[in-house]
Amino acid sequence: YEGTVLIDGHPVDGAHKDVGVVFQEESTFPWRSTLDNVAFPLEVEGIDKAEREAAGRKFIKLVGLEGFENHFPAQLSGGMKRRVLIAKALSHEPRILFLDEPTAGVDVDLRRDMWLLVSDLRKSGVTVVLTTHYIEEAEEIADRIAVINQGKILLVEDKGLLMKRLGKKKL
């Protein structure tokens, strides 16, 4: 495939500050505390320590991890680590957030909290790109749905039109 991805008319390689990513696999630094992991993107951008710690605490609170700022990843449950990844991806307040299977293997409470958070982010103007194997998740939060099979996009369509056309059939 060939092409160029633009964000507000600028190539993606120059728009890293506008993009946050939550990978399916854990991507925390085991030697850094929760606060240091969450604030890391701001450290890379050269933000001073006081400002990045304030932002880190804001997003730790947002994902429900208050009281765990000084814990290391090995001291956290799988769901808590997922929350750290979400806070880390949000710490620099991106306009576009990529979520790669964010609810894979998480408990019911985290799944519910995740969708409330995603809903709030969308309302605030953040564009969320979600990959999921769960059509009910896509139904719940998506405006448009792309169906991909073996790396090929089969369709991209407005969620309402797609659901109307396909009804309750499994894709």
N, C-alpha and C. Protein backbone atom coordinates (compact mmCIF):
# COMPACT_ATOMS: atom_id res chain seq x y z
N TYR A 1 0.82 -1.18 0.00
CA TYR A 1 0.00 0.00 0.00
C TYR A 1 0.87 1.24 0.00
N GLU A 2 0.34 2.27 -0.60
CA GLU A 2 1.05 3.54 -0.61
C GLU A 2 0.09 4.64 -0.20
N GLY A 3 0.64 5.72 0.26
CA GLY A 3 -0.20 6.85 0.62
C GLY A 3 0.45 7.68 1.68
N THR A 4 -0.22 8.73 2.04
CA THR A 4 0.26 9.65 3.06
C THR A 4 -0.85 9.88 4.06
N VAL A 5 -0.52 9.84 5.32
CA VAL A 5 -1.49 10.14 6.37
C VAL A 5 -1.23 11.56 6.83
N LEU A 6 -2.28 12.36 6.80
CA LEU A 6 -2.16 13.76 7.20
C LEU A 6 -3.05 14.03 8.41
N ILE A 7 -2.56 14.86 9.31
CA ILE A 7 -3.36 15.36 10.42
C ILE A 7 -3.37 16.87 10.28
N ASP A 8 -4.55 17.41 10.04
CA ASP A 8 -4.69 18.85 9.78
C ASP A 8 -3.74 19.32 8.68
N GLY A 9 -3.58 18.49 7.67
CA GLY A 9 -2.77 18.87 6.53
C GLY A 9 -1.28 18.65 6.70
N HIS A 10 -0.86 18.10 7.84
CA HIS A 10 0.56 17.88 8.09
C HIS A 10 0.85 16.38 8.12
N PRO A 11 1.99 15.96 7.57
CA PRO A 11 2.34 14.54 7.60
C PRO A 11 2.42 14.04 9.04
N VAL A 12 2.02 12.79 9.26
CA VAL A 12 2.00 12.21 10.59
C VAL A 12 3.34 12.30 11.29
N ASP A 13 4.43 12.16 10.56
CA ASP A 13 5.74 12.18 11.22
C ASP A 13 6.02 13.51 11.93
N GLY A 14 5.29 14.54 11.60
CA GLY A 14 5.46 15.81 12.28
C GLY A 14 4.36 16.10 13.28
N ALA A 15 3.48 15.12 13.49
CA ALA A 15 2.31 15.35 14.32
C ALA A 15 2.26 14.45 15.55
N HIS A 16 3.41 13.95 16.01
CA HIS A 16 3.43 13.00 17.12
C HIS A 16 2.81 13.57 18.40
N LYS A 17 2.86 14.86 18.58
CA LYS A 17 2.27 15.45 19.78
C LYS A 17 0.75 15.39 19.76
N ASP A 18 0.17 15.21 18.59
CA ASP A 18 -1.28 15.15 18.46
C ASP A 18 -1.83 13.74 18.57
N VAL A 19 -0.94 12.74 18.70
CA VAL A 19 -1.37 11.35 18.66
C VAL A 19 -0.98 10.63 19.96
N GLY A 20 -1.94 9.88 20.50
CA GLY A 20 -1.69 9.01 21.64
C GLY A 20 -1.99 7.58 21.24
N VAL A 21 -1.26 6.62 21.79
CA VAL A 21 -1.44 5.22 21.41
C VAL A 21 -1.48 4.36 22.67
N VAL A 22 -2.48 3.48 22.74
CA VAL A 22 -2.54 2.46 23.77
C VAL A 22 -2.38 1.12 23.05
N PHE A 23 -1.21 0.52 23.20
CA PHE A 23 -0.94 -0.75 22.55
C PHE A 23 -1.64 -1.89 23.27
N GLN A 24 -1.91 -2.97 22.55
CA GLN A 24 -2.51 -4.14 23.17
C GLN A 24 -1.56 -4.75 24.20
N GLU A 25 -0.30 -4.78 23.86
CA GLU A 25 0.70 -5.34 24.77
C GLU A 25 1.17 -4.26 25.74
N GLU A 26 1.56 -4.68 26.91
CA GLU A 26 2.02 -3.74 27.92
C GLU A 26 3.28 -3.01 27.43
N SER A 27 3.30 -1.71 27.64
CA SER A 27 4.45 -0.92 27.21
C SER A 27 4.86 0.07 28.30
N THR A 28 4.91 -0.42 29.53
CA THR A 28 5.38 0.42 30.62
C THR A 28 6.85 0.12 30.88
N PHE A 29 7.51 1.04 31.55
CA PHE A 29 8.90 0.83 31.96
C PHE A 29 8.89 0.23 33.36
N PRO A 30 9.41 -0.98 33.55
CA PRO A 30 9.31 -1.64 34.85
C PRO A 30 10.07 -0.92 35.96
N TRP A 31 11.07 -0.13 35.63
CA TRP A 31 11.87 0.57 36.63
C TRP A 31 11.33 1.95 36.97
N ARG A 32 10.20 2.33 36.37
CA ARG A 32 9.60 3.64 36.63
C ARG A 32 8.28 3.47 37.38
N SER A 33 7.99 4.40 38.25
CA SER A 33 6.73 4.39 38.99
C SER A 33 5.57 4.68 38.04
N THR A 34 4.37 4.49 38.55
CA THR A 34 3.17 4.82 37.77
C THR A 34 3.23 6.27 37.30
N LEU A 35 3.54 7.18 38.22
CA LEU A 35 3.60 8.60 37.86
C LEU A 35 4.66 8.85 36.79
N ASP A 36 5.83 8.25 36.93
CA ASP A 36 6.89 8.44 35.94
C ASP A 36 6.52 7.85 34.58
N ASN A 37 5.83 6.70 34.58
CA ASN A 37 5.38 6.10 33.33
C ASN A 37 4.37 7.00 32.63
N VAL A 38 3.41 7.50 33.39
CA VAL A 38 2.37 8.35 32.81
C VAL A 38 2.96 9.66 32.27
N ALA A 39 3.91 10.22 32.99
CA ALA A 39 4.50 11.50 32.60
C ALA A 39 5.60 11.38 31.55
N PHE A 40 5.99 10.16 31.20
CA PHE A 40 7.12 9.97 30.29
C PHE A 40 6.97 10.70 28.95
N PRO A 41 5.81 10.66 28.27
CA PRO A 41 5.71 11.39 27.00
C PRO A 41 6.02 12.88 27.14
N LEU A 42 5.67 13.45 28.29
CA LEU A 42 5.96 14.87 28.52
C LEU A 42 7.44 15.10 28.78
N GLU A 43 8.08 14.13 29.40
CA GLU A 43 9.53 14.20 29.62
C GLU A 43 10.25 14.23 28.28
N VAL A 44 9.81 13.39 27.36
CA VAL A 44 10.40 13.34 26.02
C VAL A 44 10.25 14.68 25.31
N GLU A 45 9.12 15.34 25.56
CA GLU A 45 8.87 16.65 24.94
C GLU A 45 9.63 17.79 25.62
N GLY A 46 10.32 17.48 26.73
CA GLY A 46 11.11 18.51 27.41
C GLY A 46 10.32 19.35 28.40
N ILE A 47 9.15 18.89 28.78
CA ILE A 47 8.33 19.62 29.76
C ILE A 47 9.01 19.52 31.13
N ASP A 48 8.99 20.61 31.89
CA ASP A 48 9.67 20.59 33.19
C ASP A 48 8.97 19.62 34.15
N LYS A 49 9.73 19.18 35.15
CA LYS A 49 9.29 18.12 36.06
C LYS A 49 7.98 18.45 36.78
N ALA A 50 7.85 19.66 37.29
CA ALA A 50 6.63 20.03 38.04
C ALA A 50 5.40 19.96 37.14
N GLU A 51 5.52 20.45 35.92
CA GLU A 51 4.38 20.45 35.00
C GLU A 51 4.01 19.03 34.57
N ARG A 52 5.02 18.20 34.28
CA ARG A 52 4.70 16.84 33.85
C ARG A 52 4.15 16.01 35.01
N GLU A 53 4.61 16.25 36.24
CA GLU A 53 4.04 15.52 37.38
C GLU A 53 2.60 15.95 37.63
N ALA A 54 2.31 17.24 37.47
CA ALA A 54 0.93 17.72 37.63
C ALA A 54 0.02 17.07 36.58
N ALA A 55 0.49 17.03 35.34
CA ALA A 55 -0.30 16.39 34.28
C ALA A 55 -0.44 14.90 34.56
N GLY A 56 0.64 14.26 34.99
CA GLY A 56 0.59 12.84 35.31
C GLY A 56 -0.45 12.55 36.38
N ARG A 57 -0.48 13.36 37.43
CA ARG A 57 -1.45 13.17 38.52
C ARG A 57 -2.88 13.38 38.01
N LYS A 58 -3.06 14.35 37.12
CA LYS A 58 -4.39 14.61 36.55
C LYS A 58 -4.91 13.37 35.83
N PHE A 59 -4.06 12.75 35.02
CA PHE A 59 -4.52 11.60 34.24
C PHE A 59 -4.55 10.32 35.06
N ILE A 60 -3.73 10.22 36.08
CA ILE A 60 -3.82 9.09 37.01
C ILE A 60 -5.18 9.14 37.71
N LYS A 61 -5.60 10.33 38.10
CA LYS A 61 -6.92 10.49 38.73
C LYS A 61 -8.02 10.14 37.74
N LEU A 62 -7.87 10.59 36.51
CA LEU A 62 -8.88 10.35 35.47
C LEU A 62 -9.14 8.86 35.26
N VAL A 63 -8.08 8.05 35.33
CA VAL A 63 -8.25 6.60 35.10
C VAL A 63 -8.45 5.81 36.40
N GLY A 64 -8.60 6.52 37.52
CA GLY A 64 -8.92 5.85 38.77
C GLY A 64 -7.77 5.16 39.47
N LEU A 65 -6.57 5.72 39.36
CA LEU A 65 -5.40 5.12 40.00
C LEU A 65 -4.79 5.98 41.10
N GLU A 66 -5.58 6.90 41.65
CA GLU A 66 -5.07 7.71 42.75
C GLU A 66 -4.61 6.79 43.88
N GLY A 67 -3.46 7.12 44.47
CA GLY A 67 -2.90 6.31 45.53
C GLY A 67 -1.89 5.29 45.03
N PHE A 68 -1.76 5.17 43.72
CA PHE A 68 -0.82 4.21 43.13
C PHE A 68 0.32 4.90 42.38
N GLU A 69 0.48 6.21 42.58
CA GLU A 69 1.49 6.98 41.86
C GLU A 69 2.90 6.43 42.05
N ASN A 70 3.20 5.90 43.22
CA ASN A 70 4.56 5.44 43.51
C ASN A 70 4.75 3.94 43.34
N HIS A 71 3.72 3.25 42.86
CA HIS A 71 3.83 1.82 42.61
C HIS A 71 4.53 1.57 41.28
N PHE A 72 5.22 0.44 41.21
CA PHE A 72 5.89 0.03 39.97
C PHE A 72 4.99 -0.98 39.24
N PRO A 73 5.14 -1.14 37.93
CA PRO A 73 4.26 -2.03 37.18
C PRO A 73 4.12 -3.43 37.78
N ALA A 74 5.18 -3.99 38.31
CA ALA A 74 5.11 -5.34 38.89
C ALA A 74 4.17 -5.40 40.10
N GLN A 75 3.87 -4.25 40.69
CA GLN A 75 3.00 -4.19 41.86
C GLN A 75 1.53 -3.98 41.48
N LEU A 76 1.23 -3.87 40.19
CA LEU A 76 -0.12 -3.56 39.72
C LEU A 76 -0.76 -4.77 39.06
N SER A 77 -2.09 -4.84 39.13
CA SER A 77 -2.83 -5.89 38.42
C SER A 77 -2.82 -5.59 36.93
N GLY A 78 -3.26 -6.53 36.14
CA GLY A 78 -3.33 -6.34 34.68
C GLY A 78 -4.23 -5.17 34.30
N GLY A 79 -5.39 -5.06 34.96
CA GLY A 79 -6.29 -3.95 34.68
C GLY A 79 -5.71 -2.61 35.06
N MET A 80 -4.96 -2.58 36.16
CA MET A 80 -4.33 -1.34 36.58
C MET A 80 -3.23 -0.94 35.60
N LYS A 81 -2.49 -1.92 35.10
CA LYS A 81 -1.46 -1.62 34.09
C LYS A 81 -2.10 -1.03 32.84
N ARG A 82 -3.26 -1.57 32.46
CA ARG A 82 -3.98 -1.04 31.28
C ARG A 82 -4.36 0.41 31.54
N ARG A 83 -4.79 0.73 32.75
CA ARG A 83 -5.14 2.10 33.09
C ARG A 83 -3.92 3.02 33.00
N VAL A 84 -2.76 2.51 33.43
CA VAL A 84 -1.52 3.29 33.33
C VAL A 84 -1.25 3.61 31.86
N LEU A 85 -1.42 2.62 30.99
CA LEU A 85 -1.17 2.84 29.55
C LEU A 85 -2.11 3.89 28.98
N ILE A 86 -3.36 3.86 29.42
CA ILE A 86 -4.33 4.85 28.94
C ILE A 86 -3.93 6.25 29.42
N ALA A 87 -3.61 6.36 30.71
CA ALA A 87 -3.19 7.66 31.25
C ALA A 87 -1.94 8.17 30.54
N LYS A 88 -1.01 7.27 30.27
CA LYS A 88 0.24 7.63 29.57
C LYS A 88 -0.07 8.16 28.17
N ALA A 89 -0.98 7.49 27.48
CA ALA A 89 -1.33 7.93 26.12
C ALA A 89 -2.05 9.27 26.12
N LEU A 90 -2.74 9.58 27.21
CA LEU A 90 -3.50 10.82 27.29
C LEU A 90 -2.70 11.98 27.89
N SER A 91 -1.56 11.70 28.51
CA SER A 91 -0.85 12.70 29.30
C SER A 91 -0.46 13.96 28.52
N HIS A 92 -0.25 13.82 27.23
CA HIS A 92 0.10 15.02 26.46
C HIS A 92 -1.12 15.56 25.70
N GLU A 93 -2.30 15.11 26.11
CA GLU A 93 -3.58 15.58 25.59
C GLU A 93 -3.65 15.55 24.05
N PRO A 94 -3.55 14.34 23.49
CA PRO A 94 -3.58 14.21 22.03
C PRO A 94 -4.97 14.49 21.46
N ARG A 95 -4.99 14.85 20.20
CA ARG A 95 -6.27 15.06 19.52
C ARG A 95 -6.76 13.77 18.86
N ILE A 96 -5.82 12.82 18.67
CA ILE A 96 -6.17 11.52 18.08
C ILE A 96 -5.63 10.44 19.00
N LEU A 97 -6.48 9.49 19.37
CA LEU A 97 -6.08 8.41 20.27
C LEU A 97 -6.34 7.07 19.59
N PHE A 98 -5.28 6.27 19.47
CA PHE A 98 -5.40 4.93 18.92
C PHE A 98 -5.48 3.94 20.08
N LEU A 99 -6.52 3.12 20.09
CA LEU A 99 -6.70 2.09 21.12
C LEU A 99 -6.67 0.73 20.44
N ASP A 100 -5.63 -0.05 20.71
CA ASP A 100 -5.49 -1.37 20.12
C ASP A 100 -5.98 -2.42 21.11
N GLU A 101 -7.17 -2.94 20.86
CA GLU A 101 -7.78 -3.96 21.73
C GLU A 101 -7.72 -3.56 23.20
N PRO A 102 -8.24 -2.39 23.54
CA PRO A 102 -8.06 -1.89 24.91
C PRO A 102 -8.74 -2.71 25.99
N THR A 103 -9.76 -3.50 25.64
CA THR A 103 -10.46 -4.25 26.68
C THR A 103 -10.14 -5.74 26.65
N ALA A 104 -9.15 -6.14 25.86
CA ALA A 104 -8.78 -7.56 25.81
C ALA A 104 -8.27 -7.99 27.18
N GLY A 105 -8.94 -8.96 27.77
CA GLY A 105 -8.50 -9.53 29.04
C GLY A 105 -8.69 -8.66 30.26
N VAL A 106 -9.57 -7.66 30.19
CA VAL A 106 -9.79 -6.81 31.36
C VAL A 106 -11.12 -7.16 32.02
N ASP A 107 -11.27 -6.76 33.27
CA ASP A 107 -12.49 -7.09 34.00
C ASP A 107 -13.64 -6.17 33.59
N VAL A 108 -14.84 -6.52 34.05
CA VAL A 108 -16.05 -5.80 33.68
C VAL A 108 -15.99 -4.33 34.10
N ASP A 109 -15.47 -4.07 35.30
CA ASP A 109 -15.39 -2.69 35.78
C ASP A 109 -14.50 -1.83 34.90
N LEU A 110 -13.34 -2.37 34.53
CA LEU A 110 -12.43 -1.60 33.67
C LEU A 110 -13.05 -1.39 32.29
N ARG A 111 -13.71 -2.41 31.76
CA ARG A 111 -14.36 -2.26 30.46
C ARG A 111 -15.39 -1.14 30.51
N ARG A 112 -16.23 -1.11 31.54
CA ARG A 112 -17.24 -0.05 31.68
C ARG A 112 -16.57 1.31 31.81
N ASP A 113 -15.56 1.40 32.68
CA ASP A 113 -14.85 2.66 32.88
C ASP A 113 -14.17 3.13 31.60
N MET A 114 -13.63 2.18 30.84
CA MET A 114 -12.96 2.51 29.58
C MET A 114 -13.95 3.17 28.62
N TRP A 115 -15.14 2.62 28.50
CA TRP A 115 -16.09 3.17 27.53
C TRP A 115 -16.65 4.50 27.99
N LEU A 116 -16.78 4.69 29.30
CA LEU A 116 -17.18 6.01 29.80
C LEU A 116 -16.10 7.04 29.48
N LEU A 117 -14.84 6.66 29.69
CA LEU A 117 -13.72 7.55 29.39
C LEU A 117 -13.67 7.87 27.90
N VAL A 118 -13.82 6.85 27.05
CA VAL A 118 -13.79 7.06 25.60
C VAL A 118 -14.93 7.98 25.18
N SER A 119 -16.10 7.78 25.76
CA SER A 119 -17.24 8.64 25.46
C SER A 119 -16.94 10.09 25.82
N ASP A 120 -16.35 10.31 27.00
CA ASP A 120 -15.99 11.67 27.42
C ASP A 120 -14.94 12.27 26.49
N LEU A 121 -13.95 11.46 26.09
CA LEU A 121 -12.91 11.96 25.19
C LEU A 121 -13.52 12.38 23.85
N ARG A 122 -14.41 11.56 23.33
CA ARG A 122 -15.07 11.90 22.06
C ARG A 122 -15.84 13.21 22.17
N LYS A 123 -16.56 13.36 23.28
CA LYS A 123 -17.33 14.59 23.50
C LYS A 123 -16.42 15.81 23.57
N SER A 124 -15.18 15.62 24.04
CA SER A 124 -14.25 16.74 24.15
C SER A 124 -13.54 17.03 22.83
N GLY A 125 -13.81 16.23 21.79
CA GLY A 125 -13.23 16.48 20.48
C GLY A 125 -12.07 15.58 20.10
N VAL A 126 -11.73 14.62 20.95
CA VAL A 126 -10.65 13.68 20.61
C VAL A 126 -11.19 12.65 19.61
N THR A 127 -10.45 12.42 18.55
CA THR A 127 -10.79 11.36 17.59
C THR A 127 -10.21 10.06 18.12
N VAL A 128 -11.06 9.04 18.25
CA VAL A 128 -10.63 7.75 18.77
C VAL A 128 -10.68 6.73 17.65
N VAL A 129 -9.54 6.07 17.43
CA VAL A 129 -9.46 4.98 16.46
C VAL A 129 -9.29 3.70 17.28
N LEU A 130 -10.26 2.82 17.17
CA LEU A 130 -10.32 1.62 18.00
C LEU A 130 -10.19 0.37 17.15
N THR A 131 -9.33 -0.55 17.58
CA THR A 131 -9.33 -1.88 16.97
C THR A 131 -9.93 -2.83 17.98
N THR A 132 -10.85 -3.67 17.52
CA THR A 132 -11.51 -4.61 18.41
C THR A 132 -12.03 -5.81 17.63
N HIS A 133 -12.14 -6.92 18.32
CA HIS A 133 -12.79 -8.10 17.75
C HIS A 133 -14.24 -8.18 18.22
N TYR A 134 -14.64 -7.26 19.10
CA TYR A 134 -15.97 -7.27 19.68
C TYR A 134 -16.86 -6.26 18.98
N ILE A 135 -17.78 -6.73 18.14
CA ILE A 135 -18.64 -5.84 17.38
C ILE A 135 -19.51 -4.99 18.30
N GLU A 136 -19.87 -5.54 19.48
CA GLU A 136 -20.70 -4.75 20.41
C GLU A 136 -19.94 -3.52 20.91
N GLU A 137 -18.62 -3.60 21.02
CA GLU A 137 -17.84 -2.42 21.41
C GLU A 137 -17.87 -1.38 20.30
N ALA A 138 -17.70 -1.85 19.08
CA ALA A 138 -17.74 -0.92 17.95
C ALA A 138 -19.13 -0.28 17.85
N GLU A 139 -20.17 -1.09 18.04
CA GLU A 139 -21.54 -0.57 18.01
C GLU A 139 -21.74 0.52 19.05
N GLU A 140 -21.17 0.30 20.23
CA GLU A 140 -21.37 1.20 21.37
C GLU A 140 -20.76 2.58 21.14
N ILE A 141 -19.55 2.65 20.57
CA ILE A 141 -18.87 3.94 20.55
C ILE A 141 -18.54 4.49 19.17
N ALA A 142 -18.62 3.68 18.14
CA ALA A 142 -18.13 4.11 16.82
C ALA A 142 -19.13 4.98 16.07
N ASP A 143 -18.60 5.89 15.27
CA ASP A 143 -19.39 6.62 14.29
C ASP A 143 -19.31 5.89 12.95
N ARG A 144 -18.09 5.41 12.66
CA ARG A 144 -17.85 4.65 11.43
C ARG A 144 -17.13 3.36 11.80
N ILE A 145 -17.37 2.33 11.01
CA ILE A 145 -16.75 1.03 11.25
C ILE A 145 -16.03 0.59 9.98
N ALA A 146 -14.81 0.12 10.17
CA ALA A 146 -14.05 -0.49 9.08
C ALA A 146 -13.92 -1.98 9.40
N VAL A 147 -14.17 -2.82 8.43
CA VAL A 147 -13.99 -4.25 8.60
C VAL A 147 -12.71 -4.63 7.86
N ILE A 148 -11.79 -5.24 8.59
CA ILE A 148 -10.49 -5.62 8.04
C ILE A 148 -10.33 -7.12 8.15
N ASN A 149 -9.91 -7.76 7.07
CA ASN A 149 -9.67 -9.20 7.07
C ASN A 149 -8.30 -9.45 6.46
N GLN A 150 -7.44 -10.10 7.21
CA GLN A 150 -6.08 -10.42 6.77
C GLN A 150 -5.35 -9.18 6.23
N GLY A 151 -5.52 -8.07 6.96
CA GLY A 151 -4.81 -6.84 6.63
C GLY A 151 -5.42 -6.03 5.50
N LYS A 152 -6.54 -6.46 4.96
CA LYS A 152 -7.19 -5.73 3.88
C LYS A 152 -8.50 -5.14 4.35
N ILE A 153 -8.69 -3.86 4.05
CA ILE A 153 -9.94 -3.20 4.42
C ILE A 153 -11.03 -3.67 3.46
N LEU A 154 -12.07 -4.30 4.02
CA LEU A 154 -13.18 -4.78 3.21
C LEU A 154 -14.25 -3.71 3.03
N LEU A 155 -14.45 -2.90 4.06
CA LEU A 155 -15.41 -1.81 3.95
C LEU A 155 -15.18 -0.80 5.07
N VAL A 156 -15.60 0.41 4.80
CA VAL A 156 -15.64 1.47 5.80
C VAL A 156 -16.99 2.14 5.61
N GLU A 157 -17.78 2.17 6.69
CA GLU A 157 -19.13 2.68 6.53
C GLU A 157 -19.64 3.30 7.83
N ASP A 158 -20.57 4.22 7.70
CA ASP A 158 -21.25 4.79 8.85
C ASP A 158 -21.88 3.65 9.65
N LYS A 159 -21.71 3.70 10.97
CA LYS A 159 -22.20 2.61 11.82
C LYS A 159 -23.70 2.38 11.64
N GLY A 160 -24.48 3.44 11.64
CA GLY A 160 -25.93 3.29 11.49
C GLY A 160 -26.32 2.61 10.20
N LEU A 161 -25.69 3.03 9.11
CA LEU A 161 -25.99 2.42 7.82
C LEU A 161 -25.57 0.96 7.78
N LEU A 162 -24.41 0.68 8.34
CA LEU A 162 -23.91 -0.70 8.35
C LEU A 162 -24.82 -1.61 9.17
N MET A 163 -25.22 -1.15 10.35
CA MET A 163 -26.08 -1.97 11.20
C MET A 163 -27.47 -2.15 10.58
N LYS A 164 -27.94 -1.12 9.91
CA LYS A 164 -29.24 -1.21 9.23
C LYS A 164 -29.18 -2.23 8.10
N ARG A 165 -28.06 -2.20 7.37
CA ARG A 165 -27.89 -3.09 6.24
C ARG A 165 -27.66 -4.53 6.67
N LEU A 166 -26.86 -4.72 7.72
CA LEU A 166 -26.50 -6.07 8.14
C LEU A 166 -27.31 -6.58 9.32
N GLY A 167 -27.98 -5.68 10.03
CA GLY A 167 -28.78 -6.11 11.17
C GLY A 167 -27.93 -6.76 12.23
N LYS A 168 -28.36 -7.89 12.73
CA LYS A 168 -27.68 -8.57 13.82
C LYS A 168 -26.79 -9.70 13.33
N LYS A 169 -26.53 -9.77 12.06
CA LYS A 169 -25.64 -10.82 11.53
C LYS A 169 -24.25 -10.65 12.07
N LYS A 170 -23.55 -11.73 12.18
CA LYS A 170 -22.16 -11.68 12.61
C LYS A 170 -21.29 -11.43 11.40
N LEU A 171 -20.30 -10.58 11.58
CA LEU A 171 -19.37 -10.28 10.48
C LEU A 171 -18.21 -11.23 10.52
